[in-house]
C-alpha atoms as a PDB file:
ATOM      1  CA  MET A   1      47.006-137.019 113.935  1.00  0.00           C
ATOM      2  CA  GLY A   2      43.839-137.001 112.913  1.00  0.00           C
ATOM      3  CA  MET A   3      41.899-134.138 112.597  1.00  0.00           C
ATOM      4  CA  LYS A   4      37.802-133.565 112.746  1.00  0.00           C
ATOM      5  CA  LEU A   5      37.119-130.907 110.912  1.00  0.00           C
ATOM      6  CA  GLU A   6      33.953-128.995 110.033  1.00  0.00           C
ATOM      7  CA  LYS A   7      34.395-127.949 106.547  1.00  0.00           C
ATOM      8  CA  LEU A   8      37.441-128.958 103.882  1.00  0.00           C
ATOM      9  CA  THR A   9      40.809-126.834 103.833  1.00  0.00           C
ATOM     10  CA  SER A  10      41.971-125.654 101.688  1.00  0.00           C
ATOM     11  CA  ALA A  11      45.357-128.416 102.074  1.00  0.00           C
ATOM     12  CA  ILE A  12      42.419-131.646 102.218  1.00  0.00           C
ATOM     13  CA  GLU A  13      41.259-130.072  99.201  1.00  0.00           C
ATOM     14  CA  GLU A  14      44.463-130.040  97.071  1.00  0.00           C
ATOM     15  CA  LYS A  15      45.105-133.480  98.473  1.00  0.00           C
ATOM     16  CA  ILE A  16      41.523-134.735  97.166  1.00  0.00           C
ATOM     17  CA  LYS A  17      41.939-133.497  93.904  1.00  0.00           C
ATOM     18  CA  GLU A  18      45.274-135.420  93.125  1.00  0.00           C
ATOM     19  CA  GLN A  19      43.676-139.321  94.180  1.00  0.00           C
ATOM     20  CA  PRO A  20      42.841-140.662  91.105  1.00  0.00           C
ATOM     21  CA  MET A  21      39.977-142.689  92.918  1.00  0.00           C
ATOM     22  CA  PHE A  22      37.490-142.151  96.116  1.00  0.00           C
ATOM     23  CA  PHE A  23      35.489-144.570  97.807  1.00  0.00           C
ATOM     24  CA  VAL A  24      31.599-144.251  97.716  1.00  0.00           C
ATOM     25  CA  ALA A  25      29.554-146.355 101.449  1.00  0.00           C
ATOM     26  CA  THR A  26      25.974-145.926 102.252  1.00  0.00           C
ATOM     27  CA  ALA A  27      23.809-147.649 103.888  1.00  0.00           C
ATOM     28  CA  ALA A  28      20.030-148.542 103.414  1.00  0.00           C
ATOM     29  CA  ASP A  29      18.190-151.243 105.136  1.00  0.00           C
ATOM     30  CA  GLY A  30      19.697-154.068 104.221  1.00  0.00           C
ATOM     31  CA  ARG A  31      23.957-154.524 103.363  1.00  0.00           C
ATOM     32  CA  VAL A  32      25.751-151.395 103.685  1.00  0.00           C
ATOM     33  CA  ASN A  33      27.967-150.959 100.721  1.00  0.00           C
ATOM     34  CA  MET A  34      31.045-149.711  99.892  1.00  0.00           C
ATOM     35  CA  SER A  35      32.138-149.251  96.141  1.00  0.00           C
ATOM     36  CA  PRO A  36      35.464-147.575  94.421  1.00  0.00           C
ATOM     37  CA  LYS A  37      35.223-144.545  92.134  1.00  0.00           C
ATOM     38  CA  GLY A  38      37.071-143.305  89.427  1.00  0.00           C
ATOM     39  CA  LEU A  39      38.328-141.369  86.670  1.00  0.00           C
ATOM     40  CA  ASP A  40      37.926-137.291  86.496  1.00  0.00           C
ATOM     41  CA  SER A  41      34.592-137.921  87.730  1.00  0.00           C
ATOM     42  CA  LEU A  42      34.492-135.338  90.941  1.00  0.00           C
ATOM     43  CA  ARG A  43      33.422-131.552  91.472  1.00  0.00           C
ATOM     44  CA  ILE A  44      33.904-129.319  94.542  1.00  0.00           C
ATOM     45  CA  LEU A  45      32.128-127.307  94.563  1.00  0.00           C
ATOM     46  CA  SER A  46      32.431-124.917  98.358  1.00  0.00           C
ATOM     47  CA  PRO A  47      34.691-126.170 101.357  1.00  0.00           C
ATOM     48  CA  ASN A  48      30.806-128.176 102.532  1.00  0.00           C
ATOM     49  CA  GLN A  49      29.402-129.685  99.193  1.00  0.00           C
ATOM     50  CA  LEU A  50      31.138-131.469  95.966  1.00  0.00           C
ATOM     51  CA  VAL A  51      29.286-133.053  93.274  1.00  0.00           C
ATOM     52  CA  TRP A  52      30.430-136.619  91.829  1.00  0.00           C
ATOM     53  CA  TYR A  53      28.783-139.022  89.115  1.00  0.00           C
ATOM     54  CA  ASN A  54      28.405-142.648  89.288  1.00  0.00           C
ATOM     55  CA  PHE A  55      29.413-145.138  85.759  1.00  0.00           C
ATOM     56  CA  THR A  56      26.731-147.515  84.563  1.00  0.00           C
ATOM     57  CA  GLY A  57      28.068-151.094  85.551  1.00  0.00           C
ATOM     58  CA  SER A  58      26.440-153.964  86.974  1.00  0.00           C
ATOM     59  CA  GLY A  59      24.474-153.012  89.819  1.00  0.00           C
ATOM     60  CA  ASN A  60      23.714-149.895  91.493  1.00  0.00           C
ATOM     61  CA  GLU A  61      23.265-149.903  95.309  1.00  0.00           C
ATOM     62  CA  THR A  62      24.145-146.207  95.933  1.00  0.00           C
ATOM     63  CA  ALA A  63      21.548-144.823  94.042  1.00  0.00           C
ATOM     64  CA  SER A  64      18.934-147.685  96.011  1.00  0.00           C
ATOM     65  CA  HIS A  65      20.500-146.402 100.082  1.00  0.00           C
ATOM     66  CA  ILE A  66      20.332-143.009  98.383  1.00  0.00           C
ATOM     67  CA  MET A  67      16.423-143.251  98.011  1.00  0.00           C
ATOM     68  CA  GLN A  68      16.101-144.423 101.463  1.00  0.00           C
ATOM     69  CA  ASN A  69      18.559-142.912 103.493  1.00  0.00           C
ATOM     70  CA  ASN A  70      20.465-139.615 102.366  1.00  0.00           C
ATOM     71  CA  ARG A  71      22.992-140.509 104.603  1.00  0.00           C
ATOM     72  CA  MET A  72      26.440-140.867 102.663  1.00  0.00           C
ATOM     73  CA  THR A  73      30.283-141.554 103.668  1.00  0.00           C
ATOM     74  CA  LEU A  74      33.223-140.531 100.845  1.00  0.00           C
ATOM     75  CA  LEU A  75      36.880-141.801 101.545  1.00  0.00           C
ATOM     76  CA  PHE A  76      39.816-140.775  99.565  1.00  0.00           C
ATOM     77  CA  VAL A  77      43.447-142.801 100.512  1.00  0.00           C
ATOM     78  CA  THR A  78      47.074-141.646 100.000  1.00  0.00           C
ATOM     79  CA  PHE A  79      47.886-144.239  98.424  1.00  0.00           C
ATOM     80  CA  LYS A  80      51.667-142.498  96.786  1.00  0.00           C
ATOM     81  CA  GLY A  81      53.434-140.116  98.529  1.00  0.00           C
ATOM     82  CA  ALA A  82      53.065-138.282 102.442  1.00  0.00           C
ATOM     83  CA  PRO A  83      50.292-141.215 104.190  1.00  0.00           C
ATOM     84  CA  MET A  84      47.330-139.712 105.000  1.00  0.00           C
ATOM     85  CA  ASN A  85      42.896-140.574 104.834  1.00  0.00           C
ATOM     86  CA  ILE A  86      40.476-138.862 104.391  1.00  0.00           C
ATOM     87  CA  ARG A  87      36.312-139.344 105.082  1.00  0.00           C
ATOM     88  CA  LEU A  88      33.689-137.089 103.800  1.00  0.00           C
ATOM     89  CA  PHE A  89      29.997-137.495 105.871  1.00  0.00           C
ATOM     90  CA  GLY A  90      27.252-136.000 105.270  1.00  0.00           C
ATOM     91  CA  THR A  91      24.396-136.589 102.839  1.00  0.00           C
ATOM     92  CA  ALA A  92      23.699-136.833  98.997  1.00  0.00           C
ATOM     93  CA  ARG A  93      21.085-136.813  96.598  1.00  0.00           C
ATOM     94  CA  SER A  94      20.600-137.634  93.151  1.00  0.00           C
ATOM     95  CA  LEU A  95      19.681-136.710  89.713  1.00  0.00           C
ATOM     96  CA  SER A  96      19.452-138.831  87.014  1.00  0.00           C
ATOM     97  CA  LYS A  97      19.194-137.561  82.681  1.00  0.00           C
ATOM     98  CA  GLY A  98      16.062-135.624  82.536  1.00  0.00           C
ATOM     99  CA  SER A  99      15.948-133.833  86.095  1.00  0.00           C
ATOM    100  CA  ASP A 100      15.768-130.068  86.334  1.00  0.00           C
ATOM    101  CA  GLN A 101      19.770-129.785  87.080  1.00  0.00           C
ATOM    102  CA  TRP A 102      21.094-132.746  85.245  1.00  0.00           C
ATOM    103  CA  ASN A 103      22.621-130.978  82.234  1.00  0.00           C
ATOM    104  CA  LYS A 104      23.978-127.799  84.685  1.00  0.00           C
ATOM    105  CA  TYR A 105      26.298-130.327  86.469  1.00  0.00           C
ATOM    106  CA  GLU A 106      26.495-132.877  83.563  1.00  0.00           C
ATOM    107  CA  GLU A 107      28.661-129.256  81.878  1.00  0.00           C
ATOM    108  CA  MET A 108      31.017-129.852  84.435  1.00  0.00           C
ATOM    109  CA  PHE A 109      32.442-133.096  83.663  1.00  0.00           C
ATOM    110  CA  GLY A 110      31.566-133.381  79.514  1.00  0.00           C
ATOM    111  CA  ALA A 111      29.205-136.027  78.406  1.00  0.00           C
ATOM    112  CA  ASN A 112      30.064-139.240  78.870  1.00  0.00           C
ATOM    113  CA  PRO A 113      27.828-142.064  77.827  1.00  0.00           C
ATOM    114  CA  ALA A 114      28.859-143.682  80.534  1.00  0.00           C
ATOM    115  CA  MET A 115      27.182-141.194  83.304  1.00  0.00           C
ATOM    116  CA  ARG A 116      23.906-142.548  84.726  1.00  0.00           C
ATOM    117  CA  GLN A 117      23.762-140.794  87.781  1.00  0.00           C
ATOM    118  CA  ILE A 118      24.588-137.096  89.779  1.00  0.00           C
ATOM    119  CA  PHE A 119      25.428-136.796  93.440  1.00  0.00           C
ATOM    120  CA  LEU A 120      25.117-133.617  95.064  1.00  0.00           C
ATOM    121  CA  PHE A 121      26.984-134.144  98.686  1.00  0.00           C
ATOM    122  CA  ASP A 122      26.814-131.992 101.205  1.00  0.00           C
ATOM    123  CA  PHE A 123      28.784-132.724 103.906  1.00  0.00           C
ATOM    124  CA  ASP A 124      29.343-131.742 108.049  1.00  0.00           C
ATOM    125  CA  LEU A 125      32.088-133.873 108.538  1.00  0.00           C
ATOM    126  CA  VAL A 126      35.804-133.865 107.516  1.00  0.00           C
ATOM    127  CA  HIS A 127      37.653-136.791 109.653  1.00  0.00           C
ATOM    128  CA  THR A 128      41.649-137.084 108.364  1.00  0.00           C
ATOM    129  CA  SER A 129      43.144-140.258 109.664  1.00  0.00           C
ATOM    130  CA  CYS A 130      47.554-140.900 109.326  1.00  0.00           C
ATOM    131  CA  GLY A 131      46.997-143.678 106.482  1.00  0.00           C
ATOM    132  CA  PHE A 132      50.124-145.615 107.526  1.00  0.00           C
ATOM    133  CA  SER A 133      47.914-148.692 107.122  1.00  0.00           C
ATOM    134  CA  ALA A 134      47.655-148.355 103.307  1.00  0.00           C
ATOM    135  CA  PRO A 135      50.293-149.140 100.610  1.00  0.00           C
ATOM    136  CA  GLU A 136      52.200-146.825  98.762  1.00  0.00           C
ATOM    137  CA  MET A 137      51.246-148.109  95.446  1.00  0.00           C
ATOM    138  CA  GLU A 138      51.646-146.765  91.655  1.00  0.00           C
ATOM    139  CA  LEU A 139      48.675-146.426  89.387  1.00  0.00           C
ATOM    140  CA  ILE A 140      48.831-148.146  86.442  1.00  0.00           C
ATOM    141  CA  ALA A 141      45.547-147.162  83.896  1.00  0.00           C
ATOM    142  CA  PRO A 142      42.226-146.202  84.092  1.00  0.00           C
ATOM    143  CA  ARG A 143      40.468-148.574  83.327  1.00  0.00           C
ATOM    144  CA  ALA A 144      36.789-147.001  82.533  1.00  0.00           C
ATOM    145  CA  GLU A 145      38.539-144.351  80.166  1.00  0.00           C
ATOM    146  CA  ASN A 146      40.879-148.166  79.081  1.00  0.00           C
ATOM    147  CA  ARG A 147      37.073-150.181  79.055  1.00  0.00           C
ATOM    148  CA  LEU A 148      34.431-149.007  80.761  1.00  0.00           C
ATOM    149  CA  ILE A 149      34.024-145.523  78.443  1.00  0.00           C
ATOM    150  CA  PRO A 150      34.305-147.214  74.911  1.00  0.00           C
ATOM    151  CA  HIS A 151      32.586-150.175  75.942  1.00  0.00           C
ATOM    152  CA  PHE A 152      29.488-147.431  76.364  1.00  0.00           C
ATOM    153  CA  ALA A 153      30.655-144.905  73.564  1.00  0.00           C
ATOM    154  CA  LYS A 154      29.197-148.045  71.015  1.00  0.00           C
ATOM    155  CA  MET A 155      26.130-148.366  72.297  1.00  0.00           C
ATOM    156  CA  THR A 156      23.190-146.001  71.647  1.00  0.00           C
ATOM    157  CA  ASP A 157      20.914-144.652  74.180  1.00  0.00           C
ATOM    158  CA  GLU A 158      18.300-146.936  73.730  1.00  0.00           C
ATOM    159  CA  GLU A 159      20.614-150.016  74.996  1.00  0.00           C
ATOM    160  CA  ILE A 160      22.392-148.032  77.006  1.00  0.00           C
ATOM    161  CA  HIS A 161      18.685-147.954  78.396  1.00  0.00           C
ATOM    162  CA  ALA A 162      17.968-151.018  78.440  1.00  0.00           C
ATOM    163  CA  TYR A 163      20.633-152.448  79.768  1.00  0.00           C
ATOM    164  CA  GLN A 164      20.572-150.429  82.804  1.00  0.00           C
ATOM    165  CA  LEU A 165      16.667-151.815  82.682  1.00  0.00           C
ATOM    166  CA  ARG A 166      18.296-154.827  82.733  1.00  0.00           C
ATOM    167  CA  LYS A 167      20.903-154.579  85.250  1.00  0.00           C
ATOM    168  CA  ASN A 168      20.328-151.019  87.440  1.00  0.00           C
ATOM    169  CA  THR A 169      16.478-150.959  88.423  1.00  0.00           C
ATOM    170  CA  ILE A 170      17.040-153.377  90.970  1.00  0.00           C
ATOM    171  CA  ASN A 171      20.178-153.570  94.174  1.00  0.00           C
ATOM    172  CA  LEU A 172      21.093-156.659  96.100  1.00  0.00           C
ATOM    173  CA  ASP A 173      18.246-157.077  98.569  1.00  0.00           C
ATOM    174  CA  GLY A 174      15.703-156.358  95.781  1.00  0.00           C
ATOM    175  CA  GLN A 175      14.933-152.692  96.588  1.00  0.00           C
ATOM    176  CA  ASP A 176      14.161-150.058  93.848  1.00  0.00           C
ATOM    177  CA  THR A 177      16.826-147.162  92.325  1.00  0.00           C
ATOM    178  CA  ASP A 178      15.996-144.641  91.037  1.00  0.00           C
ATOM    179  CA  ILE A 179      16.494-146.163  86.817  1.00  0.00           C
ATOM    180  CA  SER A 180      13.351-146.125  84.817  1.00  0.00           C
ATOM    181  CA  THR A 181      11.264-145.281  81.959  1.00  0.00           C
ATOM    182  CA  LYS A 182      12.591-141.819  82.535  1.00  0.00           C
ATOM    183  CA  ASN A 183      15.689-141.717  81.396  1.00  0.00           C
ATOM    184  CA  ASN A 184      15.312-143.028  77.822  1.00  0.00           C
END
């Protein structure tokens, strides 16, 4: 049932686009992190590259890990319809506000006050598995649209940056992230 491929097929690409969420896994010196991501925060650029953005939140493990070790795995689980798990294995780099490429990729998504980083992800292995262990579920509502984005939309750029400086400069292991005064 499972397949190992060097790049996305059109069928797998469509499965990815149908998913309302995905998971990002990273590791460095310290804890392994896996984070759920949602909303319309991912774009496929080619059969071996995609871009996704990270929301401002209570932590910033992914960015910290990528600074130390650029390995990343994305997991897509089909919670509705035919079961399938899709893992993409590769490397990523983080773009921060103010970087040369930020505007190019931000335009793909539209401005979003909660957008914190943009990740470019190059992958060389696509692995599918049956997905029978995951439950079939219905999406009720995207929380980011109803709670997260409105929360940050009420803030000024300075207030968002101050929040990020308080909450997002150090990871759980005390290591730096890419949030600094340059993001202001």
